[in-house]
């Protein structure tokens, strides 16, 4: 198994920022999958993609809130 190289960024919030970015990127990407499923008439798959998209949206919002709180504590 190939291990991913360590990040050159040592900031303690790096993983949080990266996870938020990934969640937000998935929201956008899932919109394409939803459109593809709907174009094929596959409402079951489109609904499932929407559920994943909603979960990513919630995770992104929670992560942004957590990051904001951490930044305020650090700069407070």
C-alpha atoms as a PDB file:
ATOM      1  CA  UNK A   1       0.000   0.000   0.000  1.00  0.00           C
ATOM      2  CA  UNK A   2       1.356   3.408  -0.961  1.00  0.00           C
ATOM      3  CA  UNK A   3       1.280   5.920   1.827  1.00  0.00           C
ATOM      4  CA  UNK A   4       0.363   9.492   0.940  1.00  0.00           C
ATOM      5  CA  UNK A   5       3.247  11.865   1.656  1.00  0.00           C
ATOM      6  CA  UNK A   6       2.978  14.020   4.731  1.00  0.00           C
ATOM      7  CA  UNK A   7       1.593  17.476   4.160  1.00  0.00           C
ATOM      8  CA  UNK A   8       4.157  20.259   4.109  1.00  0.00           C
ATOM      9  CA  UNK A   9       1.568  22.328   5.987  1.00  0.00           C
ATOM     10  CA  UNK A  10       1.858  21.833   9.738  1.00  0.00           C
ATOM     11  CA  UNK A  11      -1.033  24.101  10.727  1.00  0.00           C
ATOM     12  CA  UNK A  12      -3.310  22.266  13.143  1.00  0.00           C
ATOM     13  CA  UNK A  13      -6.385  23.337  11.171  1.00  0.00           C
ATOM     14  CA  UNK A  14      -5.114  22.033   7.830  1.00  0.00           C
ATOM     15  CA  UNK A  15      -7.049  18.754   7.967  1.00  0.00           C
ATOM     16  CA  UNK A  16     -10.227  20.606   8.917  1.00  0.00           C
ATOM     17  CA  UNK A  17      -9.821  23.077   6.063  1.00  0.00           C
ATOM     18  CA  UNK A  18      -9.113  20.257   3.629  1.00  0.00           C
ATOM     19  CA  UNK A  19     -12.166  18.273   4.773  1.00  0.00           C
ATOM     20  CA  UNK A  20     -14.411  21.329   4.366  1.00  0.00           C
ATOM     21  CA  UNK A  21     -13.003  21.920   0.887  1.00  0.00           C
ATOM     22  CA  UNK A  22     -13.643  18.297  -0.075  1.00  0.00           C
ATOM     23  CA  UNK A  23     -17.233  18.428   1.234  1.00  0.00           C
ATOM     24  CA  UNK A  24     -17.955  21.591  -0.751  1.00  0.00           C
ATOM     25  CA  UNK A  25     -16.330  20.156  -3.872  1.00  0.00           C
ATOM     26  CA  UNK A  26     -18.464  17.009  -3.577  1.00  0.00           C
ATOM     27  CA  UNK A  27     -21.626  19.126  -3.425  1.00  0.00           C
ATOM     28  CA  UNK A  28     -20.736  20.643  -6.789  1.00  0.00           C
ATOM     29  CA  UNK A  29     -19.687  17.306  -8.340  1.00  0.00           C
ATOM     30  CA  UNK A  30     -22.832  15.541  -7.166  1.00  0.00           C
ATOM     31  CA  UNK A  31     -24.917  18.124  -9.018  1.00  0.00           C
ATOM     32  CA  UNK A  32     -23.466  16.725 -12.242  1.00  0.00           C
ATOM     33  CA  UNK A  33     -24.287  13.163 -11.153  1.00  0.00           C
ATOM     34  CA  UNK A  34     -27.850  14.204 -10.289  1.00  0.00           C
ATOM     35  CA  UNK A  35     -28.320  15.792 -13.707  1.00  0.00           C
ATOM     36  CA  UNK A  36     -26.922  12.677 -15.418  1.00  0.00           C
ATOM     37  CA  UNK A  37     -29.250  10.370 -13.467  1.00  0.00           C
ATOM     38  CA  UNK A  38     -32.256  12.565 -14.199  1.00  0.00           C
ATOM     39  CA  UNK A  39     -31.377  12.692 -17.898  1.00  0.00           C
ATOM     40  CA  UNK A  40     -31.494   8.878 -17.898  1.00  0.00           C
ATOM     41  CA  UNK A  41     -34.789   8.884 -15.987  1.00  0.00           C
ATOM     42  CA  UNK A  42     -33.201   7.229 -12.940  1.00  0.00           C
ATOM     43  CA  UNK A  43     -34.987   9.039 -10.125  1.00  0.00           C
ATOM     44  CA  UNK A  44     -33.867   6.507  -7.539  1.00  0.00           C
ATOM     45  CA  UNK A  45     -30.209   7.250  -8.222  1.00  0.00           C
ATOM     46  CA  UNK A  46     -30.822  11.015  -8.429  1.00  0.00           C
ATOM     47  CA  UNK A  47     -32.534  10.896  -5.025  1.00  0.00           C
ATOM     48  CA  UNK A  48     -29.637   8.956  -3.535  1.00  0.00           C
ATOM     49  CA  UNK A  49     -27.134  11.468  -4.916  1.00  0.00           C
ATOM     50  CA  UNK A  50     -29.224  14.301  -3.412  1.00  0.00           C
ATOM     51  CA  UNK A  51     -29.049  12.633  -0.002  1.00  0.00           C
ATOM     52  CA  UNK A  52     -25.266  12.413  -0.258  1.00  0.00           C
ATOM     53  CA  UNK A  53     -25.166  16.019  -1.444  1.00  0.00           C
ATOM     54  CA  UNK A  54     -27.244  17.100   1.558  1.00  0.00           C
ATOM     55  CA  UNK A  55     -24.916  15.232   3.933  1.00  0.00           C
ATOM     56  CA  UNK A  56     -21.906  16.952   2.345  1.00  0.00           C
ATOM     57  CA  UNK A  57     -23.651  20.317   2.642  1.00  0.00           C
ATOM     58  CA  UNK A  58     -24.272  19.713   6.360  1.00  0.00           C
ATOM     59  CA  UNK A  59     -20.682  18.562   6.902  1.00  0.00           C
ATOM     60  CA  UNK A  60     -19.350  21.591   5.032  1.00  0.00           C
ATOM     61  CA  UNK A  61     -21.442  23.985   7.116  1.00  0.00           C
ATOM     62  CA  UNK A  62     -20.427  22.279  10.363  1.00  0.00           C
ATOM     63  CA  UNK A  63     -16.784  22.395   9.352  1.00  0.00           C
ATOM     64  CA  UNK A  64     -16.959  26.080   8.416  1.00  0.00           C
ATOM     65  CA  UNK A  65     -18.557  26.854  11.787  1.00  0.00           C
ATOM     66  CA  UNK A  66     -15.914  24.850  13.623  1.00  0.00           C
ATOM     67  CA  UNK A  67     -13.121  26.575  11.715  1.00  0.00           C
ATOM     68  CA  UNK A  68     -14.571  30.011  12.413  1.00  0.00           C
ATOM     69  CA  UNK A  69     -14.818  29.258  16.144  1.00  0.00           C
ATOM     70  CA  UNK A  70     -11.244  27.989  16.229  1.00  0.00           C
ATOM     71  CA  UNK A  71      -9.927  31.029  14.372  1.00  0.00           C
ATOM     72  CA  UNK A  72     -11.776  33.371  16.732  1.00  0.00           C
ATOM     73  CA  UNK A  73     -10.314  31.590  19.789  1.00  0.00           C
ATOM     74  CA  UNK A  74      -6.827  31.781  18.316  1.00  0.00           C
ATOM     75  CA  UNK A  75      -7.140  35.469  17.458  1.00  0.00           C
ATOM     76  CA  UNK A  76      -9.218  36.441  20.500  1.00  0.00           C
END
